[in-house]
Amino acid sequence: MVAKCIYQAVQVVVELLEDVVVYPSTIEKTGITTKRRHFSCSLLQGCVDMHDTLLSLVERALTGNSRPLEFYLRDHSRLPGPRANLELANDVSSLLASFVPKYPENVHTLINQFANGDRKMVSSNTPDEFIMLCGIIAFGTCAAAYSPWREESFEMLEHYACSAHWRVREGVAIAYQHLLTTVPYETIDRLVNLATTGNYLQQRATIAAVAEPPLLYDPDLLAAALKIQRIVLERFRDAPKFDRKTEDLRTLRRTLGYTISVITVALPEQGFALMRECASWNDADITWVLRENLKKKRLAKFVEDTEALSKMLA
């Protein structure tokens, strides 16, 4: 994300410099271009400074003093609040992964500490939860780069997929996505198995992990994503009535309410075929899931398919 921030800032600077060439009078008349160029350069410098600070803190944490890094992460967590600083969580995870060849034991100790290896209770919507989030994502990022940690990472992710805290569950999905990017086949096998045998929250982790558009350009990942959606939908259909009102199953239902459409945009023919098949089940909860997906703007261009499915659900 830091690299993306720098790239965006550079693009703004380039555009402004082009404005100066084409419209040289802008500076003389208004001074706006000069101000905007100064702002863009400040933004660029801010991104670089932030990266340098984080890099320094990570290296310091790996050579004996993790307190400054923890303080920095807590201070910039944006918690309590509606949205945690996921950009920072991903940045620190990537930096930790880059240090694995140099400090493997130290990195492992630190991310295990962050991920709450002691399994202590952590309150939701707090800086403590953000530290755990960073550790969980870092486990995925580091395991993607360092194969000896993968089994431990997969086991940890299966555990935290069952967390009562939604941010922790999102961290699990992000960690799986890092693994899918680097070791797709190994990760797919684990996700298919978890979708087939896992509990409701573990199933939820599998469908959330694969419903990420940048991953779906790979044909094998796309086929696996559709397969996982089908497995979970069929297990949902077969869930006993007394489970339907449990919070875990409702959490799974809410996630299904958007993931199917993400896969369908990337694989329209097979995706809509699956949705039509699901509509034929006449299951009230599945019908709710399908209607929620039909509300997504991403499906708006598939007019004939969405209208046909809407008629089936009417």
C-alpha atoms as a PDB file:
ATOM      1  CA  MET A   1       0.000   0.000   0.000  1.00  0.00           C
ATOM      2  CA  VAL A   2       2.916   2.366   0.667  1.00  0.00           C
ATOM      3  CA  ALA A   3       4.194   1.721  -2.844  1.00  0.00           C
ATOM      4  CA  LYS A   4       0.697   2.352  -4.198  1.00  0.00           C
ATOM      5  CA  CYS A   5       0.487   5.599  -2.268  1.00  0.00           C
ATOM      6  CA  ILE A   6       3.838   6.736  -3.686  1.00  0.00           C
ATOM      7  CA  TYR A   7       2.765   5.766  -7.208  1.00  0.00           C
ATOM      8  CA  GLN A   8      -0.483   7.724  -6.902  1.00  0.00           C
ATOM      9  CA  ALA A   9       1.355  10.753  -5.588  1.00  0.00           C
ATOM     10  CA  VAL A  10       3.822  10.607  -8.481  1.00  0.00           C
ATOM     11  CA  GLN A  11       0.935  10.374 -10.937  1.00  0.00           C
ATOM     12  CA  VAL A  12      -0.626  13.505  -9.451  1.00  0.00           C
ATOM     13  CA  VAL A  13       2.677  15.352  -9.726  1.00  0.00           C
ATOM     14  CA  VAL A  14       3.078  14.291 -13.362  1.00  0.00           C
ATOM     15  CA  GLU A  15      -0.434  15.484 -14.207  1.00  0.00           C
ATOM     16  CA  LEU A  16       0.182  18.827 -12.562  1.00  0.00           C
ATOM     17  CA  LEU A  17       3.462  19.303 -14.389  1.00  0.00           C
ATOM     18  CA  GLU A  18       1.615  18.583 -17.643  1.00  0.00           C
ATOM     19  CA  ASP A  19      -0.862  21.316 -16.679  1.00  0.00           C
ATOM     20  CA  VAL A  20       2.016  23.756 -16.274  1.00  0.00           C
ATOM     21  CA  VAL A  21       3.274  22.989 -19.769  1.00  0.00           C
ATOM     22  CA  VAL A  22      -0.123  23.242 -21.446  1.00  0.00           C
ATOM     23  CA  TYR A  23      -1.512  26.089 -19.362  1.00  0.00           C
ATOM     24  CA  PRO A  24       1.452  28.202 -18.210  1.00  0.00           C
ATOM     25  CA  SER A  25      -0.809  31.133 -17.370  1.00  0.00           C
ATOM     26  CA  THR A  26      -2.502  29.130 -14.610  1.00  0.00           C
ATOM     27  CA  ILE A  27       0.266  29.944 -12.154  1.00  0.00           C
ATOM     28  CA  GLU A  28       0.226  33.649 -12.941  1.00  0.00           C
ATOM     29  CA  LYS A  29      -3.560  33.990 -12.825  1.00  0.00           C
ATOM     30  CA  THR A  30      -4.475  31.892  -9.808  1.00  0.00           C
ATOM     31  CA  GLY A  31      -1.480  30.251  -8.185  1.00  0.00           C
ATOM     32  CA  ILE A  32      -3.607  27.122  -7.869  1.00  0.00           C
ATOM     33  CA  THR A  33      -1.205  24.892  -9.783  1.00  0.00           C
ATOM     34  CA  THR A  34       1.685  25.926  -7.569  1.00  0.00           C
ATOM     35  CA  LYS A  35      -0.307  25.118  -4.440  1.00  0.00           C
ATOM     36  CA  ARG A  36      -1.478  21.765  -5.783  1.00  0.00           C
ATOM     37  CA  ARG A  37       2.040  20.852  -6.859  1.00  0.00           C
ATOM     38  CA  HIS A  38       3.319  21.691  -3.377  1.00  0.00           C
ATOM     39  CA  PHE A  39       0.559  19.556  -1.846  1.00  0.00           C
ATOM     40  CA  SER A  40       1.394  16.615  -4.131  1.00  0.00           C
ATOM     41  CA  CYS A  41       5.085  16.780  -3.320  1.00  0.00           C
ATOM     42  CA  SER A  42       4.226  16.914   0.368  1.00  0.00           C
ATOM     43  CA  LEU A  43       2.037  13.834  -0.050  1.00  0.00           C
ATOM     44  CA  LEU A  44       4.859  11.998  -1.803  1.00  0.00           C
ATOM     45  CA  GLN A  45       7.341  12.938   0.894  1.00  0.00           C
ATOM     46  CA  GLY A  46       4.851  11.895   3.574  1.00  0.00           C
ATOM     47  CA  CYS A  47       4.504   8.428   2.061  1.00  0.00           C
ATOM     48  CA  VAL A  48       8.279   7.998   1.885  1.00  0.00           C
ATOM     49  CA  ASP A  49       8.738   9.205   5.467  1.00  0.00           C
ATOM     50  CA  MET A  50       6.036   6.856   6.720  1.00  0.00           C
ATOM     51  CA  HIS A  51       7.665   3.877   4.990  1.00  0.00           C
ATOM     52  CA  ASP A  52      11.099   4.766   6.345  1.00  0.00           C
ATOM     53  CA  THR A  53       9.698   5.105   9.873  1.00  0.00           C
ATOM     54  CA  LEU A  54       7.917   1.766   9.708  1.00  0.00           C
ATOM     55  CA  LEU A  55      10.964   0.045   8.222  1.00  0.00           C
ATOM     56  CA  SER A  56      13.153   1.387  11.026  1.00  0.00           C
ATOM     57  CA  LEU A  57      10.678   0.311  13.704  1.00  0.00           C
ATOM     58  CA  VAL A  58      10.340  -3.202  12.264  1.00  0.00           C
ATOM     59  CA  GLU A  59      14.089  -3.714  12.149  1.00  0.00           C
ATOM     60  CA  ARG A  60      14.396  -2.379  15.684  1.00  0.00           C
ATOM     61  CA  ALA A  61      11.684  -4.779  16.844  1.00  0.00           C
ATOM     62  CA  LEU A  62      13.546  -7.695  15.300  1.00  0.00           C
ATOM     63  CA  THR A  63      16.817  -6.768  17.000  1.00  0.00           C
ATOM     64  CA  GLY A  64      15.557  -6.552  20.559  1.00  0.00           C
ATOM     65  CA  ASN A  65      12.984  -3.821  21.190  1.00  0.00           C
ATOM     66  CA  SER A  66       9.454  -4.329  19.885  1.00  0.00           C
ATOM     67  CA  ARG A  67       7.808  -1.729  22.102  1.00  0.00           C
ATOM     68  CA  PRO A  68       8.230   1.258  19.720  1.00  0.00           C
ATOM     69  CA  LEU A  69       6.702  -0.725  16.848  1.00  0.00           C
ATOM     70  CA  GLU A  70       3.782  -1.830  19.020  1.00  0.00           C
ATOM     71  CA  PHE A  71       3.219   1.753  20.137  1.00  0.00           C
ATOM     72  CA  TYR A  72       3.288   2.974  16.525  1.00  0.00           C
ATOM     73  CA  LEU A  73       0.812   0.320  15.394  1.00  0.00           C
ATOM     74  CA  ARG A  74      -1.545   1.050  18.278  1.00  0.00           C
ATOM     75  CA  ASP A  75      -1.333   4.792  17.691  1.00  0.00           C
ATOM     76  CA  HIS A  76      -2.097   4.435  13.956  1.00  0.00           C
ATOM     77  CA  SER A  77      -4.639   1.603  14.227  1.00  0.00           C
ATOM     78  CA  ARG A  78      -7.675   3.922  13.817  1.00  0.00           C
ATOM     79  CA  LEU A  79      -9.325   1.902  16.587  1.00  0.00           C
ATOM     80  CA  PRO A  80     -11.666   2.389  18.215  1.00  0.00           C
ATOM     81  CA  GLY A  81     -13.449   3.405  15.043  1.00  0.00           C
ATOM     82  CA  PRO A  82     -15.444   2.042  12.117  1.00  0.00           C
ATOM     83  CA  ARG A  83     -12.469   0.880  10.051  1.00  0.00           C
ATOM     84  CA  ALA A  84      -9.081  -0.440  11.107  1.00  0.00           C
ATOM     85  CA  ASN A  85      -5.966   0.703   9.264  1.00  0.00           C
ATOM     86  CA  LEU A  86      -5.667  -2.318   6.966  1.00  0.00           C
ATOM     87  CA  GLU A  87      -3.146  -0.522   4.776  1.00  0.00           C
ATOM     88  CA  LEU A  88      -0.758  -0.330   7.732  1.00  0.00           C
ATOM     89  CA  ALA A  89      -1.462  -3.938   8.715  1.00  0.00           C
ATOM     90  CA  ASN A  90      -0.557  -5.114   5.199  1.00  0.00           C
ATOM     91  CA  ASP A  91       2.524  -2.883   5.047  1.00  0.00           C
ATOM     92  CA  VAL A  92       3.991  -4.115   8.326  1.00  0.00           C
ATOM     93  CA  SER A  93       3.208  -7.710   7.297  1.00  0.00           C
ATOM     94  CA  SER A  94       5.078  -7.302   4.016  1.00  0.00           C
ATOM     95  CA  LEU A  95       8.061  -5.751   5.773  1.00  0.00           C
ATOM     96  CA  LEU A  96       8.170  -8.591   8.299  1.00  0.00           C
ATOM     97  CA  ALA A  97       8.084 -11.107   5.455  1.00  0.00           C
ATOM     98  CA  SER A  98      11.041  -9.355   3.828  1.00  0.00           C
ATOM     99  CA  PHE A  99      13.084  -9.881   7.000  1.00  0.00           C
ATOM    100  CA  VAL A 100      12.392 -13.631   7.297  1.00  0.00           C
ATOM    101  CA  PRO A 101      15.614 -14.653   5.464  1.00  0.00           C
ATOM    102  CA  LYS A 102      17.692 -12.477   7.809  1.00  0.00           C
ATOM    103  CA  TYR A 103      15.888 -12.948  11.136  1.00  0.00           C
ATOM    104  CA  PRO A 104      13.656 -16.038  10.821  1.00  0.00           C
ATOM    105  CA  GLU A 105      13.410 -16.863  14.539  1.00  0.00           C
ATOM    106  CA  ASN A 106      12.943 -13.235  15.559  1.00  0.00           C
ATOM    107  CA  VAL A 107      10.193 -12.692  12.979  1.00  0.00           C
ATOM    108  CA  HIS A 108       8.409 -15.845  14.115  1.00  0.00           C
ATOM    109  CA  THR A 109       8.575 -14.806  17.769  1.00  0.00           C
ATOM    110  CA  LEU A 110       7.274 -11.327  16.991  1.00  0.00           C
ATOM    111  CA  ILE A 111       4.344 -12.325  14.799  1.00  0.00           C
ATOM    112  CA  ASN A 112       3.379 -15.077  17.226  1.00  0.00           C
ATOM    113  CA  GLN A 113       3.372 -12.445  19.964  1.00  0.00           C
ATOM    114  CA  PHE A 114       1.279 -10.113  17.826  1.00  0.00           C
ATOM    115  CA  ALA A 115      -1.132 -12.874  16.830  1.00  0.00           C
ATOM    116  CA  ASN A 116      -1.727 -13.589  20.493  1.00  0.00           C
ATOM    117  CA  GLY A 117      -0.107 -16.995  20.597  1.00  0.00           C
ATOM    118  CA  ASP A 118      -1.078 -17.221  24.268  1.00  0.00           C
ATOM    119  CA  ARG A 119      -4.758 -17.111  23.197  1.00  0.00           C
ATOM    120  CA  LYS A 120      -5.582 -14.365  25.691  1.00  0.00           C
ATOM    121  CA  MET A 121      -8.910 -12.566  25.453  1.00  0.00           C
ATOM    122  CA  VAL A 122      -8.731  -9.399  23.354  1.00  0.00           C
ATOM    123  CA  SER A 123     -11.493  -6.784  23.278  1.00  0.00           C
ATOM    124  CA  SER A 124     -13.061  -5.856  19.954  1.00  0.00           C
ATOM    125  CA  ASN A 125     -12.533  -2.450  18.329  1.00  0.00           C
ATOM    126  CA  THR A 126      -9.366  -1.726  20.310  1.00  0.00           C
ATOM    127  CA  PRO A 127      -5.670  -1.204  19.487  1.00  0.00           C
ATOM    128  CA  ASP A 128      -5.047  -4.625  21.047  1.00  0.00           C
ATOM    129  CA  GLU A 129      -7.279  -6.167  18.398  1.00  0.00           C
ATOM    130  CA  PHE A 130      -5.313  -4.329  15.714  1.00  0.00           C
ATOM    131  CA  ILE A 131      -2.044  -5.806  16.983  1.00  0.00           C
ATOM    132  CA  MET A 132      -3.616  -9.265  16.712  1.00  0.00           C
ATOM    133  CA  LEU A 133      -4.853  -8.413  13.217  1.00  0.00           C
ATOM    134  CA  CYS A 134      -1.313  -7.460  12.165  1.00  0.00           C
ATOM    135  CA  GLY A 135       0.027 -10.739  13.530  1.00  0.00           C
ATOM    136  CA  ILE A 136      -2.577 -12.854  11.746  1.00  0.00           C
ATOM    137  CA  ILE A 137      -2.016 -11.153   8.388  1.00  0.00           C
ATOM    138  CA  ALA A 138       1.766 -11.343   8.893  1.00  0.00           C
ATOM    139  CA  PHE A 139       1.561 -15.090   9.489  1.00  0.00           C
ATOM    140  CA  GLY A 140      -0.075 -15.483   6.089  1.00  0.00           C
ATOM    141  CA  THR A 141       2.377 -13.155   4.370  1.00  0.00           C
ATOM    142  CA  CYS A 142       5.447 -14.753   5.953  1.00  0.00           C
ATOM    143  CA  ALA A 143       4.227 -18.323   5.423  1.00  0.00           C
ATOM    144  CA  ALA A 144       3.645 -17.490   1.772  1.00  0.00           C
ATOM    145  CA  ALA A 145       7.326 -16.619   1.503  1.00  0.00           C
ATOM    146  CA  TYR A 146       8.715 -19.266   3.884  1.00  0.00           C
ATOM    147  CA  SER A 147       7.363 -22.790   3.423  1.00  0.00           C
ATOM    148  CA  PRO A 148       8.389 -24.261   6.827  1.00  0.00           C
ATOM    149  CA  TRP A 149       5.783 -22.046   8.513  1.00  0.00           C
ATOM    150  CA  ARG A 150       2.851 -22.954   6.277  1.00  0.00           C
ATOM    151  CA  GLU A 151       1.386 -25.816   8.248  1.00  0.00           C
ATOM    152  CA  GLU A 152       1.473 -23.762  11.431  1.00  0.00           C
ATOM    153  CA  SER A 153      -0.035 -20.808   9.592  1.00  0.00           C
ATOM    154  CA  PHE A 154      -2.898 -22.860   8.137  1.00  0.00           C
ATOM    155  CA  GLU A 155      -3.694 -24.293  11.570  1.00  0.00           C
ATOM    156  CA  MET A 156      -3.656 -20.834  13.149  1.00  0.00           C
ATOM    157  CA  LEU A 157      -5.925 -19.405  10.442  1.00  0.00           C
ATOM    158  CA  GLU A 158      -8.418 -22.244  10.923  1.00  0.00           C
ATOM    159  CA  HIS A 159      -8.470 -21.397  14.630  1.00  0.00           C
ATOM    160  CA  TYR A 160      -8.948 -17.645  14.203  1.00  0.00           C
ATOM    161  CA  ALA A 161     -11.563 -18.131  11.495  1.00  0.00           C
ATOM    162  CA  CYS A 162     -13.836 -19.018  14.430  1.00  0.00           C
ATOM    163  CA  SER A 163     -13.197 -15.746  16.267  1.00  0.00           C
ATOM    164  CA  ALA A 164     -16.178 -13.867  17.651  1.00  0.00           C
ATOM    165  CA  HIS A 165     -14.582 -10.624  16.369  1.00  0.00           C
ATOM    166  CA  TRP A 166     -15.351  -9.756  12.756  1.00  0.00           C
ATOM    167  CA  ARG A 167     -12.085  -7.843  12.235  1.00  0.00           C
ATOM    168  CA  VAL A 168     -10.089 -10.899  13.241  1.00  0.00           C
ATOM    169  CA  ARG A 169     -12.105 -12.980  10.772  1.00  0.00           C
ATOM    170  CA  GLU A 170     -11.343 -10.433   8.049  1.00  0.00           C
ATOM    171  CA  GLY A 171      -7.653 -10.688   8.926  1.00  0.00           C
ATOM    172  CA  VAL A 172      -7.882 -14.431   8.369  1.00  0.00           C
ATOM    173  CA  ALA A 173      -9.365 -13.887   4.901  1.00  0.00           C
ATOM    174  CA  ILE A 174      -6.598 -11.408   4.022  1.00  0.00           C
ATOM    175  CA  ALA A 175      -3.925 -13.851   5.222  1.00  0.00           C
ATOM    176  CA  TYR A 176      -5.410 -16.582   3.031  1.00  0.00           C
ATOM    177  CA  GLN A 177      -5.357 -14.169   0.085  1.00  0.00           C
ATOM    178  CA  HIS A 178      -1.615 -13.595   0.528  1.00  0.00           C
ATOM    179  CA  LEU A 179      -1.147 -17.366   0.505  1.00  0.00           C
ATOM    180  CA  LEU A 180      -3.368 -17.765  -2.555  1.00  0.00           C
ATOM    181  CA  THR A 181      -1.243 -15.243  -4.427  1.00  0.00           C
ATOM    182  CA  THR A 182       2.024 -17.060  -3.726  1.00  0.00           C
ATOM    183  CA  VAL A 183       1.136 -20.735  -3.211  1.00  0.00           C
ATOM    184  CA  PRO A 184      -2.291 -21.052  -4.869  1.00  0.00           C
ATOM    185  CA  TYR A 185      -2.579 -24.836  -5.249  1.00  0.00           C
ATOM    186  CA  GLU A 186      -1.544 -25.661  -1.699  1.00  0.00           C
ATOM    187  CA  THR A 187      -3.889 -23.003  -0.343  1.00  0.00           C
ATOM    188  CA  ILE A 188      -6.781 -24.073  -2.570  1.00  0.00           C
ATOM    189  CA  ASP A 189      -6.493 -27.633  -1.264  1.00  0.00           C
ATOM    190  CA  ARG A 190      -6.703 -26.372   2.305  1.00  0.00           C
ATOM    191  CA  LEU A 191      -9.649 -24.101   1.571  1.00  0.00           C
ATOM    192  CA  VAL A 192     -11.608 -26.809  -0.270  1.00  0.00           C
ATOM    193  CA  ASN A 193     -11.057 -29.178   2.644  1.00  0.00           C
ATOM    194  CA  LEU A 194     -12.103 -26.501   5.147  1.00  0.00           C
ATOM    195  CA  ALA A 195     -15.203 -25.662   3.105  1.00  0.00           C
ATOM    196  CA  THR A 196     -16.100 -29.361   3.074  1.00  0.00           C
ATOM    197  CA  THR A 197     -15.428 -30.220   6.716  1.00  0.00           C
ATOM    198  CA  GLY A 198     -15.259 -26.950   8.649  1.00  0.00           C
ATOM    199  CA  ASN A 199     -17.841 -25.294  10.868  1.00  0.00           C
ATOM    200  CA  TYR A 200     -19.966 -22.355   9.735  1.00  0.00           C
ATOM    201  CA  LEU A 201     -17.372 -19.671  10.523  1.00  0.00           C
ATOM    202  CA  GLN A 202     -14.598 -21.673   8.879  1.00  0.00           C
ATOM    203  CA  GLN A 203     -16.776 -22.049   5.799  1.00  0.00           C
ATOM    204  CA  ARG A 204     -17.274 -18.304   5.928  1.00  0.00           C
ATOM    205  CA  ALA A 205     -13.493 -17.806   5.847  1.00  0.00           C
ATOM    206  CA  THR A 206     -13.165 -19.904   2.693  1.00  0.00           C
ATOM    207  CA  ILE A 207     -15.739 -18.018   0.641  1.00  0.00           C
ATOM    208  CA  ALA A 208     -14.458 -14.631   1.828  1.00  0.00           C
ATOM    209  CA  ALA A 209     -10.868 -15.549   0.985  1.00  0.00           C
ATOM    210  CA  VAL A 210     -11.607 -16.416  -2.655  1.00  0.00           C
ATOM    211  CA  ALA A 211     -14.058 -13.560  -3.291  1.00  0.00           C
ATOM    212  CA  GLU A 212     -11.290 -11.107  -4.129  1.00  0.00           C
ATOM    213  CA  PRO A 213     -11.356  -9.773  -7.728  1.00  0.00           C
ATOM    214  CA  PRO A 214      -7.558  -9.506  -8.267  1.00  0.00           C
ATOM    215  CA  LEU A 215      -7.241 -13.231  -7.545  1.00  0.00           C
ATOM    216  CA  LEU A 216      -9.884 -14.202 -10.067  1.00  0.00           C
ATOM    217  CA  TYR A 217      -7.818 -13.472 -13.162  1.00  0.00           C
ATOM    218  CA  ASP A 218      -6.179 -16.873 -12.684  1.00  0.00           C
ATOM    219  CA  PRO A 219      -8.370 -19.572 -14.310  1.00  0.00           C
ATOM    220  CA  ASP A 220      -7.466 -22.203 -11.712  1.00  0.00           C
ATOM    221  CA  LEU A 221      -8.220 -19.880  -8.812  1.00  0.00           C
ATOM    222  CA  LEU A 222     -11.476 -18.844 -10.456  1.00  0.00           C
ATOM    223  CA  ALA A 223     -12.594 -22.451 -10.926  1.00  0.00           C
ATOM    224  CA  ALA A 224     -11.658 -23.210  -7.306  1.00  0.00           C
ATOM    225  CA  ALA A 225     -13.546 -20.138  -6.089  1.00  0.00           C
ATOM    226  CA  LEU A 226     -16.726 -21.300  -7.831  1.00  0.00           C
ATOM    227  CA  LYS A 227     -16.264 -24.815  -6.453  1.00  0.00           C
ATOM    228  CA  ILE A 228     -15.904 -23.485  -2.909  1.00  0.00           C
ATOM    229  CA  GLN A 229     -19.026 -21.349  -3.252  1.00  0.00           C
ATOM    230  CA  ARG A 230     -20.989 -24.420  -4.400  1.00  0.00           C
ATOM    231  CA  ILE A 231     -19.711 -26.582  -1.541  1.00  0.00           C
ATOM    232  CA  VAL A 232     -20.685 -23.992   1.051  1.00  0.00           C
ATOM    233  CA  LEU A 233     -24.071 -23.276  -0.539  1.00  0.00           C
ATOM    234  CA  GLU A 234     -24.953 -26.973  -0.590  1.00  0.00           C
ATOM    235  CA  ARG A 235     -23.898 -27.386   3.031  1.00  0.00           C
ATOM    236  CA  PHE A 236     -25.947 -24.313   3.935  1.00  0.00           C
ATOM    237  CA  ARG A 237     -28.990 -25.794   2.184  1.00  0.00           C
ATOM    238  CA  ASP A 238     -28.580 -28.999   4.181  1.00  0.00           C
ATOM    239  CA  ALA A 239     -28.095 -27.214   7.522  1.00  0.00           C
ATOM    240  CA  PRO A 240     -30.640 -28.332  10.144  1.00  0.00           C
ATOM    241  CA  LYS A 241     -33.460 -25.950  11.007  1.00  0.00           C
ATOM    242  CA  PHE A 242     -32.300 -25.446  14.580  1.00  0.00           C
ATOM    243  CA  ASP A 243     -29.001 -24.031  13.244  1.00  0.00           C
ATOM    244  CA  ARG A 244     -30.678 -21.439  11.037  1.00  0.00           C
ATOM    245  CA  LYS A 245     -31.071 -18.890  13.845  1.00  0.00           C
ATOM    246  CA  THR A 246     -27.582 -19.260  15.277  1.00  0.00           C
ATOM    247  CA  GLU A 247     -25.247 -16.285  14.941  1.00  0.00           C
ATOM    248  CA  ASP A 248     -22.538 -18.336  13.215  1.00  0.00           C
ATOM    249  CA  LEU A 249     -24.880 -19.431  10.429  1.00  0.00           C
ATOM    250  CA  ARG A 250     -26.257 -15.913  10.072  1.00  0.00           C
ATOM    251  CA  THR A 251     -22.699 -14.640   9.722  1.00  0.00           C
ATOM    252  CA  LEU A 252     -22.131 -17.173   6.950  1.00  0.00           C
ATOM    253  CA  ARG A 253     -25.390 -16.116   5.296  1.00  0.00           C
ATOM    254  CA  ARG A 254     -24.371 -12.445   5.306  1.00  0.00           C
ATOM    255  CA  THR A 255     -21.059 -13.296   3.651  1.00  0.00           C
ATOM    256  CA  LEU A 256     -22.745 -15.419   0.992  1.00  0.00           C
ATOM    257  CA  GLY A 257     -24.885 -12.333   0.385  1.00  0.00           C
ATOM    258  CA  TYR A 258     -22.015 -10.759  -1.565  1.00  0.00           C
ATOM    259  CA  THR A 259     -19.440 -13.417  -2.444  1.00  0.00           C
ATOM    260  CA  ILE A 260     -21.467 -15.216  -5.123  1.00  0.00           C
ATOM    261  CA  SER A 261     -21.798 -12.075  -7.208  1.00  0.00           C
ATOM    262  CA  VAL A 262     -18.036 -11.420  -7.008  1.00  0.00           C
ATOM    263  CA  ILE A 263     -17.358 -14.839  -8.530  1.00  0.00           C
ATOM    264  CA  THR A 264     -20.225 -14.493 -11.038  1.00  0.00           C
ATOM    265  CA  VAL A 265     -18.820 -11.267 -12.492  1.00  0.00           C
ATOM    266  CA  ALA A 266     -15.586 -13.104 -13.268  1.00  0.00           C
ATOM    267  CA  LEU A 267     -17.326 -16.274 -14.520  1.00  0.00           C
ATOM    268  CA  PRO A 268     -20.818 -15.199 -15.657  1.00  0.00           C
ATOM    269  CA  GLU A 269     -22.101 -18.327 -17.391  1.00  0.00           C
ATOM    270  CA  GLN A 270     -21.204 -20.743 -14.615  1.00  0.00           C
ATOM    271  CA  GLY A 271     -21.967 -18.242 -11.869  1.00  0.00           C
ATOM    272  CA  PHE A 272     -25.513 -17.540 -13.025  1.00  0.00           C
ATOM    273  CA  ALA A 273     -26.056 -21.252 -13.634  1.00  0.00           C
ATOM    274  CA  LEU A 274     -25.167 -21.889  -9.995  1.00  0.00           C
ATOM    275  CA  MET A 275     -27.457 -19.090  -8.847  1.00  0.00           C
ATOM    276  CA  ARG A 276     -30.363 -20.466 -10.908  1.00  0.00           C
ATOM    277  CA  GLU A 277     -29.779 -23.917  -9.463  1.00  0.00           C
ATOM    278  CA  CYS A 278     -29.799 -22.441  -5.958  1.00  0.00           C
ATOM    279  CA  ALA A 279     -33.044 -20.620  -6.716  1.00  0.00           C
ATOM    280  CA  SER A 280     -34.664 -23.954  -7.584  1.00  0.00           C
ATOM    281  CA  TRP A 281     -34.014 -25.239  -4.061  1.00  0.00           C
ATOM    282  CA  ASN A 282     -36.801 -23.022  -2.680  1.00  0.00           C
ATOM    283  CA  ASP A 283     -34.850 -22.459   0.517  1.00  0.00           C
ATOM    284  CA  ALA A 284     -35.822 -19.205   2.257  1.00  0.00           C
ATOM    285  CA  ASP A 285     -32.310 -18.378   3.446  1.00  0.00           C
ATOM    286  CA  ILE A 286     -30.744 -19.190   0.079  1.00  0.00           C
ATOM    287  CA  THR A 287     -33.385 -17.018  -1.594  1.00  0.00           C
ATOM    288  CA  TRP A 288     -32.367 -14.154   0.696  1.00  0.00           C
ATOM    289  CA  VAL A 289     -28.712 -14.723  -0.258  1.00  0.00           C
ATOM    290  CA  LEU A 290     -29.522 -14.617  -3.978  1.00  0.00           C
ATOM    291  CA  ARG A 291     -31.605 -11.457  -3.657  1.00  0.00           C
ATOM    292  CA  GLU A 292     -28.799  -9.741  -1.772  1.00  0.00           C
ATOM    293  CA  ASN A 293     -26.365 -10.601  -4.567  1.00  0.00           C
ATOM    294  CA  LEU A 294     -28.784  -9.293  -7.192  1.00  0.00           C
ATOM    295  CA  LYS A 295     -28.680  -5.904  -5.450  1.00  0.00           C
ATOM    296  CA  LYS A 296     -24.966  -5.537  -6.150  1.00  0.00           C
ATOM    297  CA  LYS A 297     -24.121  -3.017  -8.850  1.00  0.00           C
ATOM    298  CA  ARG A 298     -21.435  -5.344 -10.175  1.00  0.00           C
ATOM    299  CA  LEU A 299     -24.195  -7.509 -11.721  1.00  0.00           C
ATOM    300  CA  ALA A 300     -26.064  -4.598 -13.342  1.00  0.00           C
ATOM    301  CA  LYS A 301     -24.596  -5.217 -16.811  1.00  0.00           C
ATOM    302  CA  PHE A 302     -25.997  -8.754 -16.928  1.00  0.00           C
ATOM    303  CA  VAL A 303     -29.559  -7.597 -17.532  1.00  0.00           C
ATOM    304  CA  GLU A 304     -31.056 -10.759 -19.045  1.00  0.00           C
ATOM    305  CA  ASP A 305     -29.535 -13.047 -16.433  1.00  0.00           C
ATOM    306  CA  THR A 306     -30.537 -10.907 -13.472  1.00  0.00           C
ATOM    307  CA  GLU A 307     -34.088 -10.452 -14.768  1.00  0.00           C
ATOM    308  CA  ALA A 308     -34.492 -14.201 -15.320  1.00  0.00           C
ATOM    309  CA  LEU A 309     -33.189 -14.944 -11.833  1.00  0.00           C
ATOM    310  CA  SER A 310     -35.445 -12.291 -10.293  1.00  0.00           C
ATOM    311  CA  LYS A 311     -38.459 -13.938 -11.905  1.00  0.00           C
ATOM    312  CA  MET A 312     -37.466 -17.288 -10.437  1.00  0.00           C
ATOM    313  CA  LEU A 313     -37.264 -15.722  -6.987  1.00  0.00           C
ATOM    314  CA  ALA A 314     -40.551 -13.809  -7.245  1.00  0.00           C
END
